[in-house]
Amino acid sequence: MKPDPLDICVYGAGAIGGSIAARLALAGENVSVIARGPHGAAIAANGLTLVAGPERNTVRIPCFDTASPIAPQNVVVVAVKGPALPSIAAALPGLLKPDGLLVFAMNGIPWWFDQGMPVQLPDWLRALIDPDRLLERMLAPQSIVGCVVQSSNEVVMPGVVLNTTPQRNNLIMGKPDGTSDDLLERFTARLCEAGYQARLTSHIRDEIWTKTLLASSAGPVAALTGCALDRLVADPQARSVLATIMHDGTAIGRALGLQVNEDIEARLEFYRGKPVRPSMLQDFEMGRPAEVESSILVFAALASALGMDFPVTQTVAAVLRMKKQSAGAASPGT
């Protein structure tokens, strides 16, 4: 007998959120989404379409541009861009049932990451990731679930999400304190039924840092060059820059006490021949705020706090910060 469906809202049904929402809806869960602009209008009018390999599926799901019409949910998957998160923080608690979960399917280092770490994020960087500590104050720690997304997706037209890695769609989830509960285990099982390779971990910080190794190298270099990952990994000099940033990030993570054991060459080789366009590249091209602060600026800032000198990482971080400034979203210096 199939278990009762979960009530799930995906806040931010863009590339990642749209893919998650479509798969869960196809698997029979009660899914609603919050999406704005032409993409949200297209979902409301025509449904949400997911293209993965030869498969093309459209689901009709409730789509809203605010949280107010949505009843409390078992799970809210938060898939907005990092710069937008503080602006929606106040709406998130009201979306949850008393034991509900907030699953943050987002790139970069989250606001709670440095709790208990030997060094803390500098105040200027924390103010960008969590202005006025709003997220820390508004969101109950027991509801928070970190989620590492190993899946590449792109909104190719309003209402249509293309999964560019149909052979690799992994989700790794865990609470910051390393515990689990029945709802989180049920949600993980539902994701597996929806076609994800989903699993739980008691060391979510290790997984987030490992994921950020690639996001903090491939994303910035792709944004600065305009090249997709297949071109970057095929070019020896560009590949060397990517590998150097990832090695630097590994050293920083280990200095923080994290278990980081990424096979860097294997990770880069995975993208040979795959024209994956990192989300940071897409953001700059679309004029959206890029997640610079929670990725490579975190690496550079923590390296400085630890007294570690990594010229390549720090140079790329500085140049990318200036690129974001020139795009009209200034950040303080590193």
Protein backbone atom coordinates (compact mmCIF):
# COMPACT_ATOMS: atom_id res chain seq x y z
CA MET A 1 0.00 0.00 0.00
CA LYS A 2 1.44 3.36 -1.02
CA PRO A 3 1.93 5.69 1.95
CA ASP A 4 -0.01 8.94 2.13
CA PRO A 5 1.68 11.68 0.11
CA LEU A 6 3.62 14.41 1.87
CA ASP A 7 2.67 18.05 1.57
CA ILE A 8 5.71 19.66 -0.03
CA CYS A 9 6.27 23.24 -1.14
CA VAL A 10 9.25 24.19 -3.27
CA TYR A 11 10.14 27.83 -2.65
CA GLY A 12 11.98 28.86 -5.81
CA ALA A 13 11.05 26.55 -8.68
CA GLY A 14 13.94 27.54 -10.93
CA ALA A 15 16.56 25.16 -12.24
CA ILE A 16 17.13 23.02 -9.13
CA GLY A 17 13.81 23.67 -7.43
CA GLY A 18 11.85 23.08 -10.61
CA SER A 19 13.56 19.75 -11.19
CA ILE A 20 12.86 18.62 -7.61
CA ALA A 21 9.23 19.79 -7.76
CA ALA A 22 8.54 18.05 -11.06
CA ARG A 23 10.05 14.74 -9.98
CA LEU A 24 8.18 14.71 -6.66
CA ALA A 25 4.90 15.62 -8.36
CA LEU A 26 5.39 12.86 -10.93
CA ALA A 27 5.93 10.45 -8.01
CA GLY A 28 2.55 11.38 -6.51
CA GLU A 29 3.45 13.82 -3.73
CA ASN A 30 1.30 16.89 -2.98
CA VAL A 31 3.59 19.54 -4.44
CA SER A 32 3.12 23.28 -4.74
CA VAL A 33 5.68 25.85 -5.84
CA ILE A 34 6.47 29.50 -5.36
CA ALA A 35 7.88 31.07 -8.50
CA ARG A 36 7.76 34.59 -9.89
CA GLY A 37 8.18 36.41 -13.17
CA PRO A 38 7.68 34.83 -16.61
CA HIS A 39 8.77 31.41 -15.31
CA GLY A 40 6.15 31.43 -12.56
CA ALA A 41 3.49 32.72 -14.95
CA ALA A 42 4.27 29.92 -17.41
CA ILE A 43 4.06 27.25 -14.67
CA ALA A 44 0.70 28.63 -13.51
CA ALA A 45 -0.68 28.71 -17.06
CA ASN A 46 0.81 25.62 -18.69
CA GLY A 47 2.40 23.50 -15.96
CA LEU A 48 6.02 22.73 -15.15
CA THR A 49 7.95 20.73 -17.74
CA LEU A 50 11.07 18.69 -16.95
CA VAL A 51 13.26 17.46 -19.79
CA ALA A 52 15.77 14.76 -18.85
CA GLY A 53 17.48 12.84 -21.63
CA PRO A 54 14.77 11.54 -24.00
CA GLU A 55 12.00 12.07 -21.43
CA ARG A 56 9.78 15.14 -21.34
CA ASN A 57 7.13 15.35 -18.63
CA THR A 58 4.75 18.17 -17.70
CA VAL A 59 3.05 18.37 -14.31
CA ARG A 60 0.18 20.64 -13.35
CA ILE A 61 0.88 21.90 -9.85
CA PRO A 62 -0.32 24.89 -7.81
CA CYS A 63 2.00 27.84 -8.41
CA PHE A 64 1.98 31.05 -6.36
CA ASP A 65 4.11 34.19 -6.30
CA THR A 66 3.94 34.51 -2.49
CA ALA A 67 3.73 32.13 0.46
CA SER A 68 0.51 33.54 1.92
CA PRO A 69 -2.02 31.28 0.11
CA ILE A 70 -0.19 28.06 1.04
CA ALA A 71 -1.24 25.95 4.04
CA PRO A 72 1.42 24.64 6.43
CA GLN A 73 3.53 21.91 4.85
CA ASN A 74 5.44 18.83 5.97
CA VAL A 75 8.50 19.93 4.00
CA VAL A 76 9.53 23.19 2.37
CA VAL A 77 12.38 22.83 -0.10
CA VAL A 78 14.13 26.20 -0.29
CA ALA A 79 15.83 26.55 -3.66
CA VAL A 80 16.19 30.31 -4.08
CA LYS A 81 19.51 31.99 -4.83
CA GLY A 82 21.59 32.82 -1.77
CA PRO A 83 21.21 36.62 -2.10
CA ALA A 84 17.42 36.23 -2.02
CA LEU A 85 17.25 34.07 1.11
CA PRO A 86 17.14 36.85 3.74
CA SER A 87 14.22 38.50 1.94
CA ILE A 88 12.03 35.39 2.33
CA ALA A 89 13.14 34.34 5.83
CA ALA A 90 10.11 35.83 7.57
CA ALA A 91 7.72 33.80 5.38
CA LEU A 92 9.33 30.41 5.98
CA PRO A 93 8.20 29.58 9.56
CA GLY A 94 4.53 30.13 8.61
CA LEU A 95 4.84 27.57 5.79
CA LEU A 96 5.67 24.73 8.19
CA LYS A 97 3.60 22.34 10.25
CA PRO A 98 4.84 22.12 13.88
CA ASP A 99 7.31 19.34 13.09
CA GLY A 100 7.99 20.46 9.51
CA LEU A 101 11.38 20.69 7.84
CA LEU A 102 13.13 23.39 5.83
CA VAL A 103 15.40 21.68 3.31
CA PHE A 104 17.89 24.16 1.87
CA ALA A 105 18.76 22.90 -1.62
CA MET A 106 21.14 25.77 -2.29
CA ASN A 107 24.72 26.30 -3.36
CA GLY A 108 27.41 27.70 -1.11
CA ILE A 109 28.23 27.92 2.56
CA PRO A 110 25.11 28.58 4.72
CA TRP A 111 24.80 31.05 7.57
CA TRP A 112 24.99 28.33 10.24
CA PHE A 113 28.08 26.63 8.85
CA ASP A 114 30.77 28.17 11.11
CA GLN A 115 28.99 27.41 14.39
CA GLY A 116 31.54 25.52 16.48
CA MET A 117 34.34 26.11 13.96
CA PRO A 118 37.86 27.17 15.09
CA VAL A 119 37.49 30.42 13.12
CA GLN A 120 34.39 32.44 12.32
CA LEU A 121 33.29 34.18 9.16
CA PRO A 122 34.39 37.83 9.23
CA ASP A 123 31.65 40.29 10.13
CA TRP A 124 31.56 41.89 6.65
CA LEU A 125 31.00 38.51 5.00
CA ARG A 126 28.44 37.34 7.55
CA ALA A 127 26.54 40.59 7.00
CA LEU A 128 26.23 39.68 3.31
CA ILE A 129 25.17 36.07 3.88
CA ASP A 130 22.85 36.80 6.82
CA PRO A 131 22.11 40.54 7.16
CA ASP A 132 21.40 41.51 10.79
CA ARG A 133 21.52 37.77 11.62
CA LEU A 134 17.95 37.56 10.35
CA LEU A 135 18.16 33.91 9.31
CA GLU A 136 19.70 32.95 12.63
CA ARG A 137 16.89 34.71 14.50
CA MET A 138 13.92 33.66 12.35
CA LEU A 139 14.57 29.98 11.59
CA ALA A 140 14.32 27.32 14.30
CA PRO A 141 17.50 25.20 14.35
CA GLN A 142 15.55 21.93 14.65
CA SER A 143 13.75 22.60 11.36
CA ILE A 144 16.91 23.18 9.30
CA VAL A 145 18.21 20.52 6.89
CA GLY A 146 21.25 21.11 4.69
CA CYS A 147 21.03 19.63 1.21
CA VAL A 148 23.85 19.07 -1.26
CA VAL A 149 22.58 18.90 -4.83
CA GLN A 150 24.65 16.94 -7.32
CA SER A 151 22.49 17.58 -10.36
CA SER A 152 22.88 20.13 -13.16
CA ASN A 153 19.77 21.87 -14.44
CA GLU A 154 18.86 24.98 -16.40
CA VAL A 155 15.66 26.89 -17.10
CA VAL A 156 15.77 26.90 -20.90
CA MET A 157 12.51 28.81 -21.36
CA PRO A 158 9.73 29.91 -19.00
CA GLY A 159 8.12 26.84 -17.48
CA VAL A 160 10.71 24.39 -18.84
CA VAL A 161 13.65 22.95 -16.89
CA LEU A 162 16.37 20.93 -18.64
CA ASN A 163 18.21 18.35 -16.54
CA THR A 164 21.65 18.35 -18.20
CA THR A 165 22.99 15.42 -16.14
CA PRO A 166 20.18 12.83 -16.33
CA GLN A 167 22.67 10.14 -15.35
CA ARG A 168 23.65 11.96 -12.15
CA ASN A 169 20.96 13.32 -9.82
CA ASN A 170 22.06 12.97 -6.23
CA LEU A 171 20.81 14.66 -3.05
CA ILE A 172 22.68 14.42 0.25
CA MET A 173 20.84 15.74 3.30
CA GLY A 174 21.52 16.20 6.98
CA LYS A 175 20.76 18.35 9.98
CA PRO A 176 23.51 20.63 11.29
CA ASP A 177 23.59 18.75 14.62
CA GLY A 178 23.93 15.37 12.89
CA THR A 179 20.57 13.98 14.08
CA SER A 180 17.67 12.67 12.04
CA ASP A 181 13.95 12.08 12.54
CA ASP A 182 11.08 10.11 11.03
CA LEU A 183 9.94 12.88 8.68
CA LEU A 184 13.43 13.42 7.26
CA GLU A 185 13.79 9.68 6.65
CA ARG A 186 10.36 9.56 4.98
CA PHE A 187 11.20 12.51 2.77
CA THR A 188 14.50 10.89 1.76
CA ALA A 189 12.65 7.71 0.78
CA ARG A 190 10.16 9.74 -1.29
CA LEU A 191 13.02 11.43 -3.14
CA CYS A 192 14.44 8.02 -4.00
CA GLU A 193 11.04 6.95 -5.32
CA ALA A 194 11.02 10.14 -7.42
CA GLY A 195 14.24 9.12 -9.17
CA TYR A 196 16.96 10.73 -7.05
CA GLN A 197 19.90 8.99 -5.48
CA ALA A 198 19.13 10.49 -2.06
CA ARG A 199 20.82 9.72 1.23
CA LEU A 200 21.24 11.09 4.74
CA THR A 201 24.48 11.99 6.46
CA SER A 202 25.40 12.95 10.01
CA HIS A 203 28.26 15.09 8.63
CA ILE A 204 26.49 17.53 6.35
CA ARG A 205 29.21 20.19 6.73
CA ASP A 206 31.75 17.83 5.15
CA GLU A 207 29.41 17.24 2.20
CA ILE A 208 28.62 20.94 1.76
CA TRP A 209 32.29 21.86 1.77
CA THR A 210 33.14 19.11 -0.72
CA LYS A 211 30.37 20.30 -3.06
CA THR A 212 31.57 23.88 -2.69
CA LEU A 213 35.03 22.86 -3.89
CA LEU A 214 33.64 22.61 -7.40
CA ALA A 215 31.16 25.48 -7.07
CA SER A 216 33.96 27.79 -5.90
CA SER A 217 36.23 26.87 -8.78
CA ALA A 218 34.09 26.02 -11.80
CA GLY A 219 31.46 28.68 -11.10
CA PRO A 220 33.84 31.65 -10.84
CA VAL A 221 36.08 30.57 -13.72
CA ALA A 222 33.06 29.90 -15.95
CA ALA A 223 31.60 33.29 -15.00
CA LEU A 224 34.85 35.08 -15.78
CA THR A 225 35.46 33.29 -19.09
CA GLY A 226 31.92 32.66 -20.32
CA CYS A 227 32.85 29.00 -20.93
CA ALA A 228 30.93 25.87 -20.02
CA LEU A 229 32.67 23.11 -18.06
CA ASP A 230 33.53 20.94 -21.07
CA ARG A 231 35.74 23.70 -22.49
CA LEU A 232 37.30 24.50 -19.12
CA VAL A 233 38.33 20.93 -18.29
CA ALA A 234 39.65 20.38 -21.84
CA ASP A 235 41.93 23.42 -21.68
CA PRO A 236 45.11 22.55 -19.70
CA GLN A 237 45.64 26.02 -18.23
CA ALA A 238 42.00 26.56 -17.29
CA ARG A 239 41.85 23.07 -15.82
CA SER A 240 44.95 23.84 -13.76
CA VAL A 241 43.23 26.91 -12.29
CA LEU A 242 40.17 24.83 -11.39
CA ALA A 243 42.30 22.14 -9.77
CA THR A 244 44.36 24.69 -7.83
CA ILE A 245 41.28 26.33 -6.32
CA MET A 246 39.90 22.90 -5.38
CA HIS A 247 43.21 21.88 -3.76
CA ASP A 248 43.25 25.19 -1.86
CA GLY A 249 39.70 24.58 -0.69
CA THR A 250 40.61 21.08 0.44
CA ALA A 251 43.46 22.45 2.57
CA ILE A 252 41.20 25.12 4.09
CA GLY A 253 38.50 22.57 4.89
CA ARG A 254 40.94 20.23 6.58
CA ALA A 255 42.32 23.13 8.62
CA LEU A 256 38.76 23.69 9.84
CA GLY A 257 38.54 20.05 10.94
CA LEU A 258 36.38 18.85 8.06
CA GLN A 259 36.78 15.47 6.38
CA VAL A 260 37.46 16.38 2.75
CA ASN A 261 38.60 13.51 0.53
CA GLU A 262 37.57 14.57 -2.94
CA ASP A 263 39.24 12.98 -5.98
CA ILE A 264 39.76 16.30 -7.76
CA GLU A 265 40.95 14.94 -11.08
CA ALA A 266 38.07 12.48 -11.25
CA ARG A 267 35.58 15.24 -10.46
CA LEU A 268 36.96 17.44 -13.24
CA GLU A 269 37.19 14.57 -15.71
CA PHE A 270 33.48 13.83 -15.15
CA TYR A 271 32.68 17.03 -17.05
CA ARG A 272 34.78 16.26 -20.13
CA GLY A 273 32.47 16.51 -23.10
CA LYS A 274 29.57 17.77 -20.96
CA PRO A 275 28.58 21.39 -21.76
CA VAL A 276 27.36 22.09 -18.22
CA ARG A 277 26.89 25.79 -17.51
CA PRO A 278 27.37 26.48 -13.78
CA SER A 279 24.65 28.48 -12.10
CA MET A 280 27.04 31.36 -11.42
CA LEU A 281 27.65 31.73 -15.16
CA GLN A 282 23.90 31.64 -15.79
CA ASP A 283 23.32 34.28 -13.10
CA PHE A 284 25.81 36.74 -14.54
CA GLU A 285 24.45 36.24 -18.05
CA MET A 286 20.88 36.80 -16.87
CA GLY A 287 21.77 39.82 -14.74
CA ARG A 288 20.81 38.05 -11.51
CA PRO A 289 22.73 38.42 -8.21
CA ALA A 290 25.41 35.71 -8.26
CA GLU A 291 26.25 33.60 -5.21
CA VAL A 292 29.76 34.96 -4.92
CA GLU A 293 29.76 35.62 -1.17
CA SER A 294 28.79 32.11 -0.06
CA SER A 295 31.28 30.39 -2.38
CA ILE A 296 34.74 31.61 -3.32
CA LEU A 297 34.67 34.67 -1.03
CA VAL A 298 34.14 32.27 1.90
CA PHE A 299 37.23 30.32 0.82
CA ALA A 300 39.33 33.47 0.56
CA ALA A 301 38.05 34.93 3.83
CA LEU A 302 38.59 31.76 5.85
CA ALA A 303 42.05 31.28 4.34
CA SER A 304 42.96 34.78 5.55
CA ALA A 305 41.49 34.08 9.00
CA LEU A 306 43.57 30.90 9.22
CA GLY A 307 46.73 32.68 8.07
CA MET A 308 46.88 30.61 4.87
CA ASP A 309 48.13 32.09 1.60
CA PHE A 310 46.55 30.86 -1.62
CA PRO A 311 47.32 33.37 -4.41
CA VAL A 312 45.23 31.76 -7.16
CA THR A 313 42.08 31.43 -5.05
CA GLN A 314 42.47 34.89 -3.57
CA THR A 315 43.12 36.46 -6.98
CA VAL A 316 40.10 34.81 -8.61
CA ALA A 317 37.98 35.85 -5.62
CA ALA A 318 39.12 39.46 -5.92
CA VAL A 319 38.49 39.61 -9.68
CA LEU A 320 35.06 37.99 -9.31
CA ARG A 321 34.15 40.42 -6.52
CA MET A 322 35.01 43.29 -8.86
CA LYS A 323 32.95 41.70 -11.66
CA LYS A 324 29.95 41.59 -9.33
CA GLN A 325 30.57 45.20 -8.31
CA SER A 326 30.60 46.27 -11.95
CA ALA A 327 27.30 44.43 -12.42
CA GLY A 328 25.79 46.69 -9.78
CA ALA A 329 25.81 44.51 -6.67
CA ALA A 330 28.79 45.75 -4.71
CA SER A 331 30.43 43.73 -1.94
CA PRO A 332 33.06 44.83 0.56
CA GLY A 333 36.64 43.77 -0.02
CA THR A 334 38.01 40.48 1.13
